[in-house]
Structure formats: C-alpha cells, structure tokens
Amino acid sequence: MVGNEELRRTGVHAVQVLAVAASYYGAGRLGLLRELSIEGAVVTPVYPPTGIAVAALLILGMGCWPGIALGSFFVVLSVAEPRPEVLGVLVGNTAAPVCAALLLHRAGFRQDLSRLRDGVALVFLAALAAMTVSATVGVGLVVLTDAPAAHSFWLIWLAWWVGDAMGVLIVTPLLLLLRGARWPPPLGRWKEATALALAACGLVPLAAFSSVSLLFLVSPLIVWAALRFRFVGSVLCVLLTSVVATIAATDGGGAFAGLSRVEVMLKLQAFNGAMALTALLLSAVITEQRNTRRSVERACLELAEVLEHLTAGEAPRSPQQPGPGDADGRPRPGADP
C-alpha cells in the first residue's frame, strides 16, 4: 500500500510538471506571435509564461519548477539555435518565478487577493522585483555573446524586464482568481457584465487603432470593471486592452503609427503597465474595504443580539452555545421552557 501511494504521488507530480511545461511552452509561443526587435534582440511586450510560472508555483508548490525549466527550454529552442548561453537564459527564466513565489510566501501572500497588501506584494515583489533576475541574466548573456552592442544593455534590459513583469501582472492574478471562483458564477449582474463587455470590445479597438491618440479612453473602463466586478472584471479588461494594444503596436498602426521601434516599445509598455497597476491596486482596495465592511456588519449584528438579551434580562450566549436541554438545544422532558 505504501509503495502504491508513493508511486501515485510520483505519477501525479510528473503529470503536474509536464502540464506546467506544456502550458509554459504554449503561452510562450503565443506571446512570441507579437514581438519587437530592439537593437537586434527579440523581446515581447507581454510574456505570459512568467505569469503561468508564478501561478503554478503558488498553486502546485515549489516542486513544479522543473516544468518551468523544461517549457522555457523548448521556447528558447523554437526561436534560437542551441548555444551555451541558452543554459543561462533557462536559469534566469526559472529562477525569476521561483524568487517571486518565495518573496510572496515570505510576505504572507493570500491567493484570493483579499487584502491591499496582497495586491501590493504581487506588483512590487513578484512582478517588479523578482523579474529583474530573468532580465539581468538573459540580457547579460545576450550582450556577452555580442548579439547587440553593449551600449544597448539598459534598453534591452528594460524591454525584457517589463515584458516579464506584465506577464505576472496580467496572467498570475487571472489564474489565481479563476482557481478560486465559484462555478457556475452567480447570474445576478449579467446585464451589467454584458454591457461592460460590449463597451470594452467597442472602445478598446477604437482607442488603440484610431489615428488620434485615444488610449486614455480605456481608463474609465478599467475603473468601472474594478468598482463593480473587482479583480475578475478588471483583470479581464486589462487582458483585452493589452492584447489589442500589442497588436496595434507591433503593426505600427493607430496610436503607435510613425514611431520608432524604441518609442513603440516605451509607449506600449508604459500604457500596459499603467492599466495593470490601476486595475490591481484599485481592485485590492475595493476588496479590502468590502471585507472590512462585512466584518463590521457582523460585529454590529452580534452586538445587537447581546443587547437584546441583556434588555430582556437573559444572559447572552454565543451562537455555538446550545440552549437549555440536549446538545441540540431542544428542551429535555420536564425541563422549564
């Protein structure tokens, strides 16, 4: 029995590792469909595999890191020939999500993102701080192999870092929230959700592809989604916005027409970063305030019940304490009602 249980655990772990590797590779290929070439180095404005990697480490545990390395290996091989520096890129791409998960665990991160500190930790520890590891290692090796000139280090580093950070800001909270969502979802506000979806599908492409720079029109949608639907609505809205803006930027159209590749990269990443930060932090503040209000309401109800018993001249009892009689609170035969 012990041997069978151990074999079952090994099989489950192997399946988890392979699933993480396949998800990482699929997301990597998807992210590389829209890429920018900065000083000879290929970068992606949003790199989804980093978000998948961080979410996998938080949900499945730190033991799934081989899947991240394996998926990263096949992604790198799909765009470059096997060379010695590939090993360094794999180390950076694996170490960055591991560092992000360790920092989040150290900060007491909750996967339901129910507190402001959880949103702040995800933004500043997992996205902005931990992703410096992959950017530094990856770009350092690219520069050492003389692909771009050494003077372009910081520009390529910025593009690499922001792409990885955006993957964490957009994909990680979405996966964490989908895991903890109630299925089927409540149908109470389908009309408003449909209205928000239609507005986003109409306004976001208009803002991104218009010859007049109208990207600022997306901000009210993000605020609406955060106020009414919190993390799920705001993250989905940011995901749609980032995808459409990335398509417009890589095609050189709309608000990104007439710009150099460097200017396109800076404008796109600044826009995506601002939208993601606004959505996450605003949703975290609203969620924490709602949880605090519910706690206060519960405390007020309990206090009102205590006062009611005191006014009636009865000793207040806790909700867990049964009344006179049996353990279920029913009167015993012969006991006073």
Protein backbone atom coordinates (compact mmCIF):
# COMPACT_ATOMS: atom_id res chain seq x y z
CA MET A 1 0.00 0.00 0.00
CA VAL A 2 2.83 2.37 0.88
CA GLY A 3 4.55 1.61 -2.40
CA ASN A 4 1.37 2.22 -4.38
CA GLU A 5 0.78 5.52 -2.60
CA GLU A 6 4.33 6.64 -3.30
CA LEU A 7 4.00 5.61 -6.94
CA ARG A 8 0.73 7.51 -7.23
CA ARG A 9 2.33 10.66 -5.79
CA THR A 10 5.24 10.35 -8.20
CA GLY A 11 2.84 9.98 -11.11
CA VAL A 12 0.78 12.99 -10.05
CA HIS A 13 3.94 15.07 -9.67
CA ALA A 14 5.17 14.02 -13.12
CA VAL A 15 1.82 14.93 -14.67
CA GLN A 16 1.90 18.34 -12.95
CA VAL A 17 5.43 19.02 -14.20
CA LEU A 18 4.51 18.07 -17.76
CA ALA A 19 1.33 20.17 -17.59
CA VAL A 20 3.32 23.20 -16.42
CA ALA A 21 5.89 22.64 -19.18
CA ALA A 22 3.19 22.36 -21.85
CA SER A 23 1.37 25.44 -20.56
CA TYR A 24 4.61 27.42 -20.42
CA TYR A 25 5.57 26.41 -23.95
CA GLY A 26 2.10 27.14 -25.37
CA ALA A 27 1.97 30.54 -23.68
CA GLY A 28 5.50 31.29 -24.85
CA ARG A 29 4.67 30.54 -28.47
CA LEU A 30 1.52 32.65 -28.13
CA GLY A 31 3.48 35.56 -26.70
CA LEU A 32 6.08 35.37 -29.47
CA LEU A 33 3.40 35.89 -32.11
CA ARG A 34 3.76 39.60 -31.34
CA GLU A 35 7.37 40.58 -30.80
CA LEU A 36 9.59 43.62 -31.08
CA SER A 37 13.18 43.74 -32.22
CA ILE A 38 15.17 46.16 -30.06
CA GLU A 39 18.78 46.66 -31.11
CA GLY A 40 18.90 43.15 -32.58
CA ALA A 41 17.31 41.42 -29.58
CA VAL A 42 13.82 39.94 -29.83
CA VAL A 43 11.53 40.83 -26.91
CA THR A 44 7.81 40.53 -26.28
CA PRO A 45 5.77 43.39 -24.78
CA VAL A 46 3.81 40.90 -22.66
CA TYR A 47 5.34 37.49 -21.88
CA PRO A 48 2.55 35.25 -20.50
CA PRO A 49 4.74 32.27 -19.43
CA THR A 50 6.12 34.18 -16.45
CA GLY A 51 2.61 34.67 -15.13
CA ILE A 52 1.82 30.98 -15.64
CA ALA A 53 5.05 30.01 -13.89
CA VAL A 54 4.38 32.14 -10.81
CA ALA A 55 0.78 30.92 -10.58
CA ALA A 56 1.89 27.29 -10.92
CA LEU A 57 4.42 27.66 -8.11
CA LEU A 58 1.79 29.23 -5.84
CA ILE A 59 -0.94 26.69 -6.63
CA LEU A 60 1.02 23.45 -7.11
CA GLY A 61 4.01 24.20 -4.91
CA MET A 62 7.70 24.79 -5.47
CA GLY A 63 8.23 21.23 -6.71
CA CYS A 64 6.87 22.08 -10.17
CA TRP A 65 9.91 24.21 -11.09
CA PRO A 66 11.32 21.54 -13.47
CA GLY A 67 8.27 22.11 -15.65
CA ILE A 68 9.16 25.79 -15.92
CA ALA A 69 12.73 24.95 -16.95
CA LEU A 70 11.55 22.37 -19.47
CA GLY A 71 8.97 24.68 -21.02
CA SER A 72 11.48 27.53 -21.19
CA PHE A 73 13.99 25.23 -22.88
CA PHE A 74 11.61 24.40 -25.73
CA VAL A 75 10.53 28.03 -26.10
CA VAL A 76 14.15 29.15 -26.47
CA LEU A 77 14.88 26.35 -28.94
CA SER A 78 11.90 27.45 -31.05
CA VAL A 79 13.45 30.87 -31.68
CA ALA A 80 17.21 30.26 -31.47
CA GLU A 81 19.78 27.59 -32.16
CA PRO A 82 21.17 25.57 -29.22
CA ARG A 83 24.12 27.53 -27.86
CA PRO A 84 25.90 27.66 -24.49
CA GLU A 85 24.13 30.85 -23.42
CA VAL A 86 20.78 29.07 -23.68
CA LEU A 87 21.54 27.40 -20.34
CA GLY A 88 21.94 30.80 -18.71
CA VAL A 89 18.63 32.01 -20.14
CA LEU A 90 16.95 28.89 -18.75
CA VAL A 91 18.41 29.58 -15.33
CA GLY A 92 17.14 33.16 -15.40
CA ASN A 93 13.68 32.23 -16.67
CA THR A 94 13.35 29.58 -13.97
CA ALA A 95 14.92 31.50 -11.09
CA ALA A 96 12.77 34.61 -11.53
CA PRO A 97 9.38 32.89 -10.92
CA VAL A 98 10.90 30.88 -8.05
CA CYS A 99 12.14 34.10 -6.45
CA ALA A 100 8.70 35.66 -6.97
CA ALA A 101 6.96 32.75 -5.23
CA LEU A 102 9.45 32.77 -2.35
CA LEU A 103 9.00 36.52 -1.84
CA LEU A 104 5.22 36.17 -1.87
CA HIS A 105 5.32 33.33 0.67
CA ARG A 106 7.61 35.39 2.87
CA ALA A 107 5.18 38.33 2.69
CA GLY A 108 2.21 36.17 3.74
CA PHE A 109 0.52 36.42 0.37
CA ARG A 110 -3.07 35.17 0.09
CA GLN A 111 -4.10 33.70 -3.24
CA ASP A 112 -7.61 35.15 -3.05
CA LEU A 113 -6.11 38.67 -3.18
CA SER A 114 -8.50 39.77 -0.43
CA ARG A 115 -6.20 42.45 1.01
CA LEU A 116 -4.45 45.50 -0.32
CA ARG A 117 -1.13 44.09 0.86
CA ASP A 118 -1.65 41.07 -1.42
CA GLY A 119 -2.05 43.30 -4.47
CA VAL A 120 0.96 45.40 -3.45
CA ALA A 121 3.06 42.26 -2.90
CA LEU A 122 2.12 40.86 -6.29
CA VAL A 123 3.00 44.13 -8.03
CA PHE A 124 6.20 45.13 -6.27
CA LEU A 125 7.67 41.80 -5.13
CA ALA A 126 6.60 39.26 -7.76
CA ALA A 127 6.45 41.49 -10.84
CA LEU A 128 8.81 44.41 -10.42
CA ALA A 129 11.46 42.95 -8.10
CA ALA A 130 11.70 39.25 -8.98
CA MET A 131 11.61 39.76 -12.75
CA THR A 132 14.88 41.69 -12.58
CA VAL A 133 16.54 38.27 -12.23
CA SER A 134 15.44 36.96 -15.62
CA ALA A 135 16.06 40.29 -17.33
CA THR A 136 19.56 40.69 -15.90
CA VAL A 137 20.67 37.14 -16.62
CA GLY A 138 19.08 36.95 -20.06
CA VAL A 139 20.21 40.31 -21.36
CA GLY A 140 23.64 39.92 -19.81
CA LEU A 141 24.20 36.72 -21.77
CA VAL A 142 22.82 38.26 -24.96
CA VAL A 143 25.22 41.18 -24.64
CA LEU A 144 28.18 38.93 -23.83
CA THR A 145 27.59 36.94 -26.99
CA ASP A 146 27.86 40.23 -28.93
CA ALA A 147 24.36 39.97 -30.46
CA PRO A 148 23.65 43.65 -29.78
CA ALA A 149 26.12 46.32 -28.88
CA ALA A 150 26.99 46.65 -25.20
CA HIS A 151 25.67 50.22 -25.10
CA SER A 152 22.16 48.86 -25.70
CA PHE A 153 22.15 46.82 -22.50
CA TRP A 154 19.77 49.01 -20.50
CA LEU A 155 17.30 49.48 -23.32
CA ILE A 156 17.04 45.74 -23.96
CA TRP A 157 17.01 45.06 -20.22
CA LEU A 158 14.05 47.42 -19.78
CA ALA A 159 12.10 45.76 -22.59
CA TRP A 160 12.84 42.26 -21.24
CA TRP A 161 12.01 43.22 -17.64
CA VAL A 162 8.72 44.94 -18.45
CA GLY A 163 7.60 42.06 -20.68
CA ASP A 164 8.15 39.54 -17.88
CA ALA A 165 6.59 41.83 -15.28
CA MET A 166 3.49 42.37 -17.43
CA GLY A 167 3.07 38.61 -17.71
CA VAL A 168 2.95 38.38 -13.91
CA LEU A 169 0.63 41.39 -13.52
CA ILE A 170 -1.91 40.14 -16.04
CA VAL A 171 -1.78 36.34 -16.09
CA THR A 172 -0.98 35.39 -12.48
CA PRO A 173 -3.96 37.11 -10.79
CA LEU A 174 -6.30 35.84 -13.52
CA LEU A 175 -5.25 32.20 -12.92
CA LEU A 176 -5.41 32.56 -9.14
CA LEU A 177 -8.89 34.06 -9.29
CA LEU A 178 -10.20 31.51 -11.80
CA ARG A 179 -9.00 28.73 -9.50
CA GLY A 180 -10.92 30.15 -6.55
CA ALA A 181 -14.00 31.26 -8.49
CA ARG A 182 -17.40 29.76 -7.81
CA TRP A 183 -18.76 27.66 -10.66
CA PRO A 184 -21.23 28.30 -12.07
CA PRO A 185 -20.79 32.04 -11.45
CA PRO A 186 -23.72 33.99 -10.00
CA LEU A 187 -26.11 35.41 -12.58
CA GLY A 188 -27.13 38.48 -10.61
CA ARG A 189 -25.40 41.11 -12.75
CA TRP A 190 -25.23 39.57 -16.20
CA LYS A 191 -26.80 42.63 -17.78
CA GLU A 192 -24.14 44.95 -16.43
CA ALA A 193 -21.37 42.46 -17.24
CA THR A 194 -22.65 42.21 -20.82
CA ALA A 195 -22.77 45.99 -21.10
CA LEU A 196 -19.19 46.25 -19.84
CA ALA A 197 -18.00 43.56 -22.28
CA LEU A 198 -19.68 45.26 -25.24
CA ALA A 199 -18.27 48.64 -24.24
CA ALA A 200 -14.78 47.17 -23.92
CA CYS A 201 -14.96 45.32 -27.25
CA GLY A 202 -16.05 48.53 -28.97
CA LEU A 203 -13.98 51.15 -27.19
CA VAL A 204 -10.63 49.37 -26.80
CA PRO A 205 -10.03 48.73 -30.55
CA LEU A 206 -11.18 52.28 -31.29
CA ALA A 207 -8.71 53.72 -28.78
CA ALA A 208 -5.81 51.54 -29.98
CA PHE A 209 -6.27 51.77 -33.76
CA SER A 210 -7.52 55.35 -34.05
CA SER A 211 -5.16 57.75 -35.80
CA VAL A 212 -5.87 60.15 -32.95
CA SER A 213 -4.27 59.07 -29.67
CA LEU A 214 -7.29 57.94 -27.63
CA LEU A 215 -5.69 55.41 -25.33
CA PHE A 216 -6.81 57.40 -22.29
CA LEU A 217 -10.41 56.36 -23.03
CA VAL A 218 -9.62 52.90 -21.68
CA SER A 219 -9.12 54.16 -18.12
CA PRO A 220 -12.86 54.59 -17.32
CA LEU A 221 -13.46 51.00 -18.41
CA ILE A 222 -10.78 49.75 -16.03
CA VAL A 223 -12.27 51.79 -13.18
CA TRP A 224 -15.79 50.56 -13.98
CA ALA A 225 -14.64 46.95 -14.06
CA ALA A 226 -12.73 47.30 -10.78
CA LEU A 227 -15.58 49.04 -8.95
CA ARG A 228 -18.31 46.64 -10.00
CA PHE A 229 -16.55 43.33 -10.67
CA ARG A 230 -13.31 43.74 -8.74
CA PHE A 231 -10.37 41.53 -9.74
CA VAL A 232 -12.07 39.26 -12.26
CA GLY A 233 -13.60 42.08 -14.27
CA SER A 234 -10.62 44.41 -14.11
CA VAL A 235 -8.03 41.75 -14.99
CA LEU A 236 -10.07 40.51 -17.96
CA CYS A 237 -10.46 44.11 -19.14
CA VAL A 238 -6.71 44.69 -18.82
CA LEU A 239 -6.00 41.45 -20.69
CA LEU A 240 -8.19 42.53 -23.61
CA THR A 241 -6.64 46.01 -23.59
CA SER A 242 -3.08 44.67 -23.56
CA VAL A 243 -3.72 42.21 -26.40
CA VAL A 244 -5.35 44.82 -28.65
CA ALA A 245 -2.73 47.47 -27.85
CA THR A 246 0.08 44.99 -28.52
CA ILE A 247 -1.39 44.11 -31.91
CA ALA A 248 -1.69 47.79 -32.81
CA ALA A 249 1.87 48.49 -31.63
CA THR A 250 3.55 45.61 -33.45
CA ASP A 251 1.63 46.50 -36.63
CA GLY A 252 2.69 50.14 -36.26
CA GLY A 253 -0.86 51.41 -36.54
CA GLY A 254 -3.24 53.68 -34.69
CA ALA A 255 -1.75 55.45 -31.69
CA PHE A 256 1.66 53.90 -32.48
CA ALA A 257 1.95 55.00 -36.10
CA GLY A 258 5.07 56.92 -37.11
CA LEU A 259 7.09 55.94 -34.04
CA SER A 260 10.44 54.20 -33.96
CA ARG A 261 10.70 50.70 -32.53
CA VAL A 262 12.09 52.06 -29.28
CA GLU A 263 9.32 54.65 -28.98
CA VAL A 264 6.70 51.99 -29.72
CA MET A 265 8.15 49.77 -27.01
CA LEU A 266 8.25 52.56 -24.42
CA LYS A 267 4.74 53.82 -25.18
CA LEU A 268 3.18 50.36 -25.24
CA GLN A 269 4.81 49.15 -22.05
CA ALA A 270 4.04 52.36 -20.20
CA PHE A 271 0.39 52.06 -21.24
CA ASN A 272 0.09 48.36 -20.36
CA GLY A 273 1.86 48.87 -17.04
CA ALA A 274 -0.33 51.80 -16.05
CA MET A 275 -3.52 49.88 -16.84
CA ALA A 276 -2.39 46.77 -14.97
CA LEU A 277 -1.27 48.69 -11.88
CA THR A 278 -4.51 50.68 -11.79
CA ALA A 279 -6.64 47.54 -12.08
CA LEU A 280 -4.79 45.50 -9.46
CA LEU A 281 -4.37 48.16 -6.80
CA LEU A 282 -7.86 49.63 -7.19
CA SER A 283 -9.44 46.17 -7.07
CA ALA A 284 -7.39 45.29 -3.99
CA VAL A 285 -8.51 48.47 -2.18
CA ILE A 286 -12.18 47.84 -3.03
CA THR A 287 -12.00 44.18 -1.98
CA GLU A 288 -10.37 45.02 1.34
CA GLN A 289 -12.94 47.74 2.06
CA ARG A 290 -15.82 45.37 1.32
CA ASN A 291 -14.35 42.70 3.57
CA THR A 292 -13.89 45.26 6.34
CA ARG A 293 -17.48 46.46 5.96
CA ARG A 294 -18.80 42.90 6.18
CA SER A 295 -16.76 42.30 9.33
CA VAL A 296 -18.18 45.46 10.90
CA GLU A 297 -21.71 44.44 9.92
CA ARG A 298 -21.27 41.01 11.53
CA ALA A 299 -19.90 42.60 14.69
CA CYS A 300 -22.88 45.01 14.82
CA LEU A 301 -25.35 42.12 14.46
CA GLU A 302 -23.68 40.20 17.27
CA LEU A 303 -23.68 43.30 19.46
CA ALA A 304 -27.37 43.92 18.74
CA GLU A 305 -28.15 40.33 19.74
CA VAL A 306 -26.23 40.73 23.00
CA LEU A 307 -28.05 43.97 23.81
CA GLU A 308 -31.38 42.32 23.03
CA HIS A 309 -30.69 39.54 25.53
CA LEU A 310 -29.48 41.99 28.16
CA THR A 311 -32.59 44.11 27.74
CA ALA A 312 -34.79 41.05 28.15
CA GLY A 313 -32.93 40.12 31.32
CA GLU A 314 -31.37 36.99 29.82
CA ALA A 315 -27.74 36.02 29.84
CA PRO A 316 -26.35 36.36 26.32
CA ARG A 317 -24.99 33.19 24.81
CA SER A 318 -22.64 32.65 21.93
CA PRO A 319 -24.02 31.27 18.64
CA GLN A 320 -22.23 27.96 19.34
CA GLN A 321 -23.65 27.57 22.84
CA PRO A 322 -26.88 25.46 22.90
CA GLY A 323 -29.85 26.45 24.92
CA PRO A 324 -31.17 24.57 27.96
CA GLY A 325 -31.75 20.94 27.17
CA ASP A 326 -29.91 18.48 25.00
CA ALA A 327 -26.83 19.18 22.92
CA ASP A 328 -29.05 20.20 20.02
CA GLY A 329 -30.71 22.89 22.11
CA ARG A 330 -34.15 21.20 22.44
CA PRO A 331 -35.75 21.16 25.95
CA ARG A 332 -35.40 17.98 27.96
CA PRO A 333 -38.57 16.35 29.22
CA GLY A 334 -39.54 18.03 32.43
CA ALA A 335 -37.22 21.00 31.93
CA ASP A 336 -38.62 24.51 32.18
CA PRO A 337 -39.18 26.04 28.74
